[in-house]
């Protein structure tokens, strides 16, 4: 950690000293500010700082041939960041439910990375498509850097909350930009899973049991049962018609003015 901070400091000083007419001072200042932000992240984020910085840098560098491919390449790095942070917290003797959360995060993100890799295609990198995600990524970076708690378990949860919200925001960008086909389905799946993970993390930060909010969300999505057996097939037999009412024949009227005996 100290070596990394020293190296970043040296890089910042070097960039500041290398201004020239070919490279405007404004560009150098922006580079210095970026390095300083990374240094601040590593210092303020405790054991997670290095993993956060690595994830942020690799996400910024990742770009594909269009909006969908840029999302895929950035999300692979995003998920790897969750794996790295989860492995770190497991080494810090976290609370039992946080340890379970971290183990599940590792397994889930490993599977998601494998699924997304199947959808990655080769093509000339398009910087404009990568730039679409920069606001969401910068917001996630700032929120993760600011997240902290009274212990390592709480700090991990608060950073993962910002991490999940970042995935939701990036997925919203991809869906808005018209990503289609199998990749769109993956974007929607990633968005929904991270939204539910964020809800679970918020519940855990409130002191609720793990998965409490996600179970409630899943229950709300299920259609209400319509009878004792909601899976039973609906009968197609027509309802029996009501019995026909017997029609009484009115009695014949007596013919007036005629007497059969007189005929």
C-alpha atoms as a PDB file:
ATOM      1  CA  UNK A   1       0.000   0.000   0.000  1.00  0.00           C
ATOM      2  CA  UNK A   2       2.757   2.494   0.940  1.00  0.00           C
ATOM      3  CA  UNK A   3       4.703   1.613  -2.192  1.00  0.00           C
ATOM      4  CA  UNK A   4       1.615   2.199  -4.338  1.00  0.00           C
ATOM      5  CA  UNK A   5       0.950   5.574  -2.728  1.00  0.00           C
ATOM      6  CA  UNK A   6       4.602   6.600  -3.187  1.00  0.00           C
ATOM      7  CA  UNK A   7       4.482   5.578  -6.849  1.00  0.00           C
ATOM      8  CA  UNK A   8       1.284   7.530  -7.428  1.00  0.00           C
ATOM      9  CA  UNK A   9       2.761  10.574  -5.720  1.00  0.00           C
ATOM     10  CA  UNK A  10       5.830  10.405  -7.921  1.00  0.00           C
ATOM     11  CA  UNK A  11       3.643  10.078 -10.994  1.00  0.00           C
ATOM     12  CA  UNK A  12       1.598  13.106  -9.960  1.00  0.00           C
ATOM     13  CA  UNK A  13       4.738  15.197  -9.470  1.00  0.00           C
ATOM     14  CA  UNK A  14       6.141  14.016 -12.778  1.00  0.00           C
ATOM     15  CA  UNK A  15       2.985  14.941 -14.645  1.00  0.00           C
ATOM     16  CA  UNK A  16       2.922  18.365 -13.031  1.00  0.00           C
ATOM     17  CA  UNK A  17       6.528  19.015 -14.047  1.00  0.00           C
ATOM     18  CA  UNK A  18       6.109  17.908 -17.647  1.00  0.00           C
ATOM     19  CA  UNK A  19       3.818  20.656 -18.901  1.00  0.00           C
ATOM     20  CA  UNK A  20       4.746  22.062 -22.313  1.00  0.00           C
ATOM     21  CA  UNK A  21       3.232  23.937 -25.193  1.00  0.00           C
ATOM     22  CA  UNK A  22       2.410  20.594 -26.812  1.00  0.00           C
ATOM     23  CA  UNK A  23       0.517  19.427 -23.718  1.00  0.00           C
ATOM     24  CA  UNK A  24      -1.575  22.211 -22.178  1.00  0.00           C
ATOM     25  CA  UNK A  25      -1.383  22.777 -18.454  1.00  0.00           C
ATOM     26  CA  UNK A  26      -5.098  22.038 -18.125  1.00  0.00           C
ATOM     27  CA  UNK A  27      -4.515  18.486 -19.339  1.00  0.00           C
ATOM     28  CA  UNK A  28      -1.675  18.014 -16.877  1.00  0.00           C
ATOM     29  CA  UNK A  29      -3.817  19.362 -14.047  1.00  0.00           C
ATOM     30  CA  UNK A  30      -6.630  16.933 -14.900  1.00  0.00           C
ATOM     31  CA  UNK A  31      -4.162  14.033 -14.829  1.00  0.00           C
ATOM     32  CA  UNK A  32      -2.816  15.162 -11.459  1.00  0.00           C
ATOM     33  CA  UNK A  33      -6.329  15.420 -10.061  1.00  0.00           C
ATOM     34  CA  UNK A  34      -7.100  11.895 -11.258  1.00  0.00           C
ATOM     35  CA  UNK A  35      -3.992  10.518  -9.555  1.00  0.00           C
ATOM     36  CA  UNK A  36      -4.807  12.443  -6.383  1.00  0.00           C
ATOM     37  CA  UNK A  37      -8.337  11.014  -6.390  1.00  0.00           C
ATOM     38  CA  UNK A  38      -6.938   7.492  -6.690  1.00  0.00           C
ATOM     39  CA  UNK A  39      -4.543   8.169  -3.831  1.00  0.00           C
ATOM     40  CA  UNK A  40      -7.395   9.473  -1.681  1.00  0.00           C
ATOM     41  CA  UNK A  41      -9.464   6.395  -2.481  1.00  0.00           C
ATOM     42  CA  UNK A  42      -6.713   4.026  -1.427  1.00  0.00           C
ATOM     43  CA  UNK A  43      -6.090   5.893   1.828  1.00  0.00           C
ATOM     44  CA  UNK A  44      -9.750   6.420   2.829  1.00  0.00           C
ATOM     45  CA  UNK A  45     -11.045   3.009   1.798  1.00  0.00           C
ATOM     46  CA  UNK A  46      -8.875   0.977   4.150  1.00  0.00           C
ATOM     47  CA  UNK A  47      -8.318  -2.617   3.036  1.00  0.00           C
ATOM     48  CA  UNK A  48     -10.553  -2.129  -0.021  1.00  0.00           C
ATOM     49  CA  UNK A  49      -8.721   0.876  -1.480  1.00  0.00           C
ATOM     50  CA  UNK A  50      -6.396  -0.950  -3.830  1.00  0.00           C
ATOM     51  CA  UNK A  51      -9.186  -3.138  -5.227  1.00  0.00           C
ATOM     52  CA  UNK A  52     -11.414  -0.085  -5.740  1.00  0.00           C
ATOM     53  CA  UNK A  53      -8.684   1.821  -7.575  1.00  0.00           C
ATOM     54  CA  UNK A  54      -7.895  -1.144  -9.802  1.00  0.00           C
ATOM     55  CA  UNK A  55     -11.569  -1.623 -10.680  1.00  0.00           C
ATOM     56  CA  UNK A  56     -12.072   2.068 -11.429  1.00  0.00           C
ATOM     57  CA  UNK A  57      -9.030   2.315 -13.683  1.00  0.00           C
ATOM     58  CA  UNK A  58      -9.893  -0.831 -15.626  1.00  0.00           C
ATOM     59  CA  UNK A  59     -13.523   0.199 -16.051  1.00  0.00           C
ATOM     60  CA  UNK A  60     -12.454   3.575 -17.434  1.00  0.00           C
ATOM     61  CA  UNK A  61     -10.097   1.858 -19.884  1.00  0.00           C
ATOM     62  CA  UNK A  62     -12.590  -0.763 -21.079  1.00  0.00           C
ATOM     63  CA  UNK A  63     -14.419   0.022 -24.306  1.00  0.00           C
ATOM     64  CA  UNK A  64     -16.158  -1.916 -27.030  1.00  0.00           C
ATOM     65  CA  UNK A  65     -17.376  -1.366 -30.566  1.00  0.00           C
ATOM     66  CA  UNK A  66     -20.751   0.057 -29.503  1.00  0.00           C
ATOM     67  CA  UNK A  67     -22.814   0.906 -26.406  1.00  0.00           C
ATOM     68  CA  UNK A  68     -23.682  -2.727 -25.718  1.00  0.00           C
ATOM     69  CA  UNK A  69     -20.142  -4.021 -26.074  1.00  0.00           C
ATOM     70  CA  UNK A  70     -18.763  -1.196 -23.929  1.00  0.00           C
ATOM     71  CA  UNK A  71     -21.295  -2.077 -21.231  1.00  0.00           C
ATOM     72  CA  UNK A  72     -20.251  -5.730 -21.383  1.00  0.00           C
ATOM     73  CA  UNK A  73     -16.529  -5.048 -21.094  1.00  0.00           C
ATOM     74  CA  UNK A  74     -16.987  -2.515 -18.301  1.00  0.00           C
ATOM     75  CA  UNK A  75     -19.379  -4.779 -16.404  1.00  0.00           C
ATOM     76  CA  UNK A  76     -16.908  -7.669 -16.460  1.00  0.00           C
ATOM     77  CA  UNK A  77     -14.418  -5.432 -14.653  1.00  0.00           C
ATOM     78  CA  UNK A  78     -17.174  -4.143 -12.365  1.00  0.00           C
ATOM     79  CA  UNK A  79     -18.062  -7.691 -11.314  1.00  0.00           C
ATOM     80  CA  UNK A  80     -14.407  -8.608 -10.826  1.00  0.00           C
ATOM     81  CA  UNK A  81     -14.154  -5.665  -8.439  1.00  0.00           C
ATOM     82  CA  UNK A  82     -16.979  -7.151  -6.363  1.00  0.00           C
ATOM     83  CA  UNK A  83     -15.144 -10.475  -6.262  1.00  0.00           C
ATOM     84  CA  UNK A  84     -11.893  -8.833  -5.169  1.00  0.00           C
ATOM     85  CA  UNK A  85     -13.579  -6.809  -2.422  1.00  0.00           C
ATOM     86  CA  UNK A  86     -15.501  -9.854  -1.204  1.00  0.00           C
ATOM     87  CA  UNK A  87     -12.309 -11.888  -0.962  1.00  0.00           C
ATOM     88  CA  UNK A  88     -10.704  -9.061   1.013  1.00  0.00           C
ATOM     89  CA  UNK A  89     -13.527  -8.787   3.552  1.00  0.00           C
ATOM     90  CA  UNK A  90     -13.445 -12.556   4.144  1.00  0.00           C
ATOM     91  CA  UNK A  91      -9.863 -12.096   5.362  1.00  0.00           C
ATOM     92  CA  UNK A  92     -10.960  -9.426   7.870  1.00  0.00           C
ATOM     93  CA  UNK A  93     -13.053 -11.639  10.186  1.00  0.00           C
ATOM     94  CA  UNK A  94     -16.408 -10.053   9.250  1.00  0.00           C
ATOM     95  CA  UNK A  95     -19.780 -10.742  10.846  1.00  0.00           C
ATOM     96  CA  UNK A  96     -21.355 -14.074   9.933  1.00  0.00           C
ATOM     97  CA  UNK A  97     -24.067 -12.619   7.682  1.00  0.00           C
ATOM     98  CA  UNK A  98     -21.545 -10.366   5.927  1.00  0.00           C
ATOM     99  CA  UNK A  99     -19.265 -13.358   5.342  1.00  0.00           C
ATOM    100  CA  UNK A 100     -22.214 -15.189   3.804  1.00  0.00           C
ATOM    101  CA  UNK A 101     -23.014 -12.146   1.685  1.00  0.00           C
ATOM    102  CA  UNK A 102     -19.409 -12.023   0.440  1.00  0.00           C
ATOM    103  CA  UNK A 103     -19.318 -15.730  -0.446  1.00  0.00           C
ATOM    104  CA  UNK A 104     -22.564 -15.420  -2.384  1.00  0.00           C
ATOM    105  CA  UNK A 105     -21.261 -12.333  -4.164  1.00  0.00           C
ATOM    106  CA  UNK A 106     -18.173 -14.224  -5.314  1.00  0.00           C
ATOM    107  CA  UNK A 107     -20.185 -17.134  -6.714  1.00  0.00           C
ATOM    108  CA  UNK A 108     -22.806 -14.911  -8.354  1.00  0.00           C
ATOM    109  CA  UNK A 109     -20.323 -12.542  -9.990  1.00  0.00           C
ATOM    110  CA  UNK A 110     -18.146 -15.366 -11.266  1.00  0.00           C
ATOM    111  CA  UNK A 111     -21.185 -16.830 -13.040  1.00  0.00           C
ATOM    112  CA  UNK A 112     -22.247 -13.457 -14.401  1.00  0.00           C
ATOM    113  CA  UNK A 113     -18.760 -12.778 -15.765  1.00  0.00           C
ATOM    114  CA  UNK A 114     -18.839 -16.110 -17.589  1.00  0.00           C
ATOM    115  CA  UNK A 115     -22.283 -15.301 -19.039  1.00  0.00           C
ATOM    116  CA  UNK A 116     -21.247 -11.831 -20.202  1.00  0.00           C
ATOM    117  CA  UNK A 117     -17.998 -13.082 -21.758  1.00  0.00           C
ATOM    118  CA  UNK A 118     -20.086 -15.259 -24.101  1.00  0.00           C
ATOM    119  CA  UNK A 119     -21.708 -12.090 -25.461  1.00  0.00           C
ATOM    120  CA  UNK A 120     -18.513 -10.099 -26.031  1.00  0.00           C
ATOM    121  CA  UNK A 121     -17.642  -9.554 -29.695  1.00  0.00           C
ATOM    122  CA  UNK A 122     -14.516  -8.303 -31.390  1.00  0.00           C
ATOM    123  CA  UNK A 123     -14.577  -4.929 -33.079  1.00  0.00           C
ATOM    124  CA  UNK A 124     -12.829  -1.596 -33.309  1.00  0.00           C
ATOM    125  CA  UNK A 125     -13.102   0.178 -29.928  1.00  0.00           C
ATOM    126  CA  UNK A 126     -15.425   3.165 -29.994  1.00  0.00           C
ATOM    127  CA  UNK A 127     -14.491   5.798 -27.421  1.00  0.00           C
ATOM    128  CA  UNK A 128     -17.815   7.609 -27.775  1.00  0.00           C
ATOM    129  CA  UNK A 129     -19.736   4.517 -26.677  1.00  0.00           C
ATOM    130  CA  UNK A 130     -17.457   4.137 -23.661  1.00  0.00           C
ATOM    131  CA  UNK A 131     -17.922   7.782 -22.712  1.00  0.00           C
ATOM    132  CA  UNK A 132     -21.661   7.196 -22.316  1.00  0.00           C
ATOM    133  CA  UNK A 133     -20.988   5.403 -19.026  1.00  0.00           C
ATOM    134  CA  UNK A 134     -18.500   7.863 -17.554  1.00  0.00           C
ATOM    135  CA  UNK A 135     -21.018   9.893 -15.472  1.00  0.00           C
ATOM    136  CA  UNK A 136     -22.436   6.747 -13.868  1.00  0.00           C
ATOM    137  CA  UNK A 137     -18.975   5.369 -13.185  1.00  0.00           C
ATOM    138  CA  UNK A 138     -17.718   8.610 -11.689  1.00  0.00           C
ATOM    139  CA  UNK A 139     -20.741   8.807  -9.411  1.00  0.00           C
ATOM    140  CA  UNK A 140     -20.171   5.214  -8.291  1.00  0.00           C
ATOM    141  CA  UNK A 141     -16.494   5.928  -7.636  1.00  0.00           C
ATOM    142  CA  UNK A 142     -17.286   8.964  -5.495  1.00  0.00           C
ATOM    143  CA  UNK A 143     -19.974   7.133  -3.518  1.00  0.00           C
ATOM    144  CA  UNK A 144     -17.726   4.131  -2.902  1.00  0.00           C
ATOM    145  CA  UNK A 145     -14.851   6.371  -1.830  1.00  0.00           C
ATOM    146  CA  UNK A 146     -17.130   8.210   0.616  1.00  0.00           C
ATOM    147  CA  UNK A 147     -18.663   5.010   2.024  1.00  0.00           C
ATOM    148  CA  UNK A 148     -17.371   3.967   5.443  1.00  0.00           C
ATOM    149  CA  UNK A 149     -18.661   2.367   8.630  1.00  0.00           C
ATOM    150  CA  UNK A 150     -17.857   1.746  12.243  1.00  0.00           C
ATOM    151  CA  UNK A 151     -16.247  -1.598  11.389  1.00  0.00           C
ATOM    152  CA  UNK A 152     -15.027  -3.508   8.346  1.00  0.00           C
ATOM    153  CA  UNK A 153     -18.358  -5.313   7.900  1.00  0.00           C
ATOM    154  CA  UNK A 154     -20.352  -2.087   7.740  1.00  0.00           C
ATOM    155  CA  UNK A 155     -17.770  -0.451   5.477  1.00  0.00           C
ATOM    156  CA  UNK A 156     -17.952  -3.392   3.075  1.00  0.00           C
ATOM    157  CA  UNK A 157     -21.754  -3.254   2.963  1.00  0.00           C
ATOM    158  CA  UNK A 158     -21.824   0.488   2.317  1.00  0.00           C
ATOM    159  CA  UNK A 159     -19.271   0.180  -0.476  1.00  0.00           C
ATOM    160  CA  UNK A 160     -21.173  -2.726  -2.024  1.00  0.00           C
ATOM    161  CA  UNK A 161     -24.383  -0.687  -1.876  1.00  0.00           C
ATOM    162  CA  UNK A 162     -22.730   2.021  -3.984  1.00  0.00           C
ATOM    163  CA  UNK A 163     -21.303  -0.706  -6.222  1.00  0.00           C
ATOM    164  CA  UNK A 164     -24.748  -2.252  -6.851  1.00  0.00           C
ATOM    165  CA  UNK A 165     -26.312   1.138  -7.545  1.00  0.00           C
ATOM    166  CA  UNK A 166     -23.533   1.824 -10.034  1.00  0.00           C
ATOM    167  CA  UNK A 167     -24.401  -1.337 -11.974  1.00  0.00           C
ATOM    168  CA  UNK A 168     -28.066  -0.305 -12.056  1.00  0.00           C
ATOM    169  CA  UNK A 169     -27.166   3.165 -13.371  1.00  0.00           C
ATOM    170  CA  UNK A 170     -24.862   1.763 -16.063  1.00  0.00           C
ATOM    171  CA  UNK A 171     -27.499  -0.745 -17.135  1.00  0.00           C
ATOM    172  CA  UNK A 172     -30.041   2.058 -17.439  1.00  0.00           C
ATOM    173  CA  UNK A 173     -27.667   3.809 -19.844  1.00  0.00           C
ATOM    174  CA  UNK A 174     -27.302   0.650 -21.960  1.00  0.00           C
ATOM    175  CA  UNK A 175     -31.058   0.112 -22.132  1.00  0.00           C
ATOM    176  CA  UNK A 176     -31.630   3.761 -23.075  1.00  0.00           C
ATOM    177  CA  UNK A 177     -29.081   3.510 -25.879  1.00  0.00           C
ATOM    178  CA  UNK A 178     -30.957   0.673 -27.563  1.00  0.00           C
ATOM    179  CA  UNK A 179     -28.934  -2.418 -26.756  1.00  0.00           C
ATOM    180  CA  UNK A 180     -30.752  -5.357 -28.350  1.00  0.00           C
ATOM    181  CA  UNK A 181     -30.920  -9.138 -28.480  1.00  0.00           C
ATOM    182  CA  UNK A 182     -29.306 -11.498 -25.988  1.00  0.00           C
ATOM    183  CA  UNK A 183     -27.125  -8.709 -24.649  1.00  0.00           C
ATOM    184  CA  UNK A 184     -30.192  -6.637 -23.763  1.00  0.00           C
ATOM    185  CA  UNK A 185     -31.595  -9.597 -21.828  1.00  0.00           C
ATOM    186  CA  UNK A 186     -28.311  -9.809 -19.910  1.00  0.00           C
ATOM    187  CA  UNK A 187     -28.391  -6.077 -19.182  1.00  0.00           C
ATOM    188  CA  UNK A 188     -31.928  -6.396 -17.806  1.00  0.00           C
ATOM    189  CA  UNK A 189     -30.917  -9.411 -15.700  1.00  0.00           C
ATOM    190  CA  UNK A 190     -27.878  -7.593 -14.310  1.00  0.00           C
ATOM    191  CA  UNK A 191     -29.961  -4.526 -13.514  1.00  0.00           C
ATOM    192  CA  UNK A 192     -32.623  -6.511 -11.671  1.00  0.00           C
ATOM    193  CA  UNK A 193     -30.127  -8.591  -9.692  1.00  0.00           C
ATOM    194  CA  UNK A 194     -28.139  -5.547  -8.574  1.00  0.00           C
ATOM    195  CA  UNK A 195     -31.304  -3.686  -7.659  1.00  0.00           C
ATOM    196  CA  UNK A 196     -32.362  -6.585  -5.428  1.00  0.00           C
ATOM    197  CA  UNK A 197     -28.849  -6.856  -3.956  1.00  0.00           C
ATOM    198  CA  UNK A 198     -28.957  -3.146  -3.148  1.00  0.00           C
ATOM    199  CA  UNK A 199     -32.287  -3.586  -1.369  1.00  0.00           C
ATOM    200  CA  UNK A 200     -30.895  -6.515   0.611  1.00  0.00           C
ATOM    201  CA  UNK A 201     -27.802  -4.522   1.597  1.00  0.00           C
ATOM    202  CA  UNK A 202     -29.918  -1.577   2.731  1.00  0.00           C
ATOM    203  CA  UNK A 203     -31.994  -3.945   4.859  1.00  0.00           C
ATOM    204  CA  UNK A 204     -28.865  -5.457   6.418  1.00  0.00           C
ATOM    205  CA  UNK A 205     -27.568  -1.973   7.238  1.00  0.00           C
ATOM    206  CA  UNK A 206     -30.865  -1.383   9.063  1.00  0.00           C
ATOM    207  CA  UNK A 207     -30.207  -4.525  11.101  1.00  0.00           C
ATOM    208  CA  UNK A 208     -32.625  -6.795   9.270  1.00  0.00           C
ATOM    209  CA  UNK A 209     -31.760 -10.429   8.490  1.00  0.00           C
ATOM    210  CA  UNK A 210     -30.018 -11.202   5.230  1.00  0.00           C
ATOM    211  CA  UNK A 211     -32.360 -11.653   2.239  1.00  0.00           C
ATOM    212  CA  UNK A 212     -35.322 -10.181   4.149  1.00  0.00           C
ATOM    213  CA  UNK A 213     -36.054  -7.479   1.589  1.00  0.00           C
ATOM    214  CA  UNK A 214     -35.361  -9.662  -1.451  1.00  0.00           C
ATOM    215  CA  UNK A 215     -37.858 -12.269  -0.264  1.00  0.00           C
ATOM    216  CA  UNK A 216     -40.461  -9.569   0.191  1.00  0.00           C
ATOM    217  CA  UNK A 217     -39.745  -8.232  -3.300  1.00  0.00           C
ATOM    218  CA  UNK A 218     -40.042 -11.684  -4.877  1.00  0.00           C
ATOM    219  CA  UNK A 219     -43.287 -12.361  -3.020  1.00  0.00           C
ATOM    220  CA  UNK A 220     -44.751  -9.102  -4.292  1.00  0.00           C
ATOM    221  CA  UNK A 221     -43.970 -10.092  -7.880  1.00  0.00           C
ATOM    222  CA  UNK A 222     -45.796 -13.430  -7.686  1.00  0.00           C
ATOM    223  CA  UNK A 223     -49.407 -13.424  -8.936  1.00  0.00           C
ATOM    224  CA  UNK A 224     -52.013 -13.982  -6.281  1.00  0.00           C
ATOM    225  CA  UNK A 225     -53.467 -17.495  -6.115  1.00  0.00           C
ATOM    226  CA  UNK A 226     -57.035 -17.760  -7.408  1.00  0.00           C
ATOM    227  CA  UNK A 227     -58.038 -20.845  -5.479  1.00  0.00           C
ATOM    228  CA  UNK A 228     -56.832 -23.646  -3.192  1.00  0.00           C
ATOM    229  CA  UNK A 229     -54.673 -24.950  -6.035  1.00  0.00           C
ATOM    230  CA  UNK A 230     -53.405 -22.065  -8.167  1.00  0.00           C
ATOM    231  CA  UNK A 231     -51.680 -24.537 -10.531  1.00  0.00           C
ATOM    232  CA  UNK A 232     -54.820 -26.528 -11.232  1.00  0.00           C
ATOM    233  CA  UNK A 233     -56.048 -26.404 -14.801  1.00  0.00           C
ATOM    234  CA  UNK A 234     -59.219 -24.484 -15.423  1.00  0.00           C
ATOM    235  CA  UNK A 235     -62.063 -26.725 -16.498  1.00  0.00           C
ATOM    236  CA  UNK A 236     -63.290 -26.116 -20.023  1.00  0.00           C
ATOM    237  CA  UNK A 237     -66.620 -27.951 -19.481  1.00  0.00           C
ATOM    238  CA  UNK A 238     -69.603 -25.672 -19.915  1.00  0.00           C
ATOM    239  CA  UNK A 239     -71.627 -24.962 -16.830  1.00  0.00           C
ATOM    240  CA  UNK A 240     -74.832 -27.057 -16.631  1.00  0.00           C
ATOM    241  CA  UNK A 241     -77.892 -25.206 -17.818  1.00  0.00           C
ATOM    242  CA  UNK A 242     -80.692 -24.701 -15.297  1.00  0.00           C
ATOM    243  CA  UNK A 243     -83.551 -27.229 -15.471  1.00  0.00           C
ATOM    244  CA  UNK A 244     -86.396 -26.266 -17.730  1.00  0.00           C
ATOM    245  CA  UNK A 245     -89.468 -25.073 -15.959  1.00  0.00           C
ATOM    246  CA  UNK A 246     -92.605 -27.054 -16.662  1.00  0.00           C
ATOM    247  CA  UNK A 247     -95.108 -24.961 -18.526  1.00  0.00           C
ATOM    248  CA  UNK A 248     -98.632 -25.462 -17.356  1.00  0.00           C
ATOM    249  CA  UNK A 249    -101.297 -25.478 -20.023  1.00  0.00           C
ATOM    250  CA  UNK A 250    -104.098 -23.143 -19.091  1.00  0.00           C
ATOM    251  CA  UNK A 251    -107.476 -24.895 -18.664  1.00  0.00           C
ATOM    252  CA  UNK A 252    -109.844 -24.713 -21.591  1.00  0.00           C
ATOM    253  CA  UNK A 253    -112.508 -22.130 -21.197  1.00  0.00           C
ATOM    254  CA  UNK A 254    -116.095 -23.385 -21.110  1.00  0.00           C
ATOM    255  CA  UNK A 255    -117.865 -22.494 -24.260  1.00  0.00           C
ATOM    256  CA  UNK A 256    -120.688 -20.150 -23.470  1.00  0.00           C
ATOM    257  CA  UNK A 257    -124.047 -20.265 -25.253  1.00  0.00           C
ATOM    258  CA  UNK A 258    -123.804 -23.940 -26.260  1.00  0.00           C
ATOM    259  CA  UNK A 259    -125.132 -26.946 -24.411  1.00  0.00           C
ATOM    260  CA  UNK A 260    -124.071 -30.209 -25.825  1.00  0.00           C
ATOM    261  CA  UNK A 261    -127.141 -31.931 -24.452  1.00  0.00           C
ATOM    262  CA  UNK A 262    -129.392 -29.619 -26.480  1.00  0.00           C
ATOM    263  CA  UNK A 263    -127.741 -30.415 -29.762  1.00  0.00           C
END
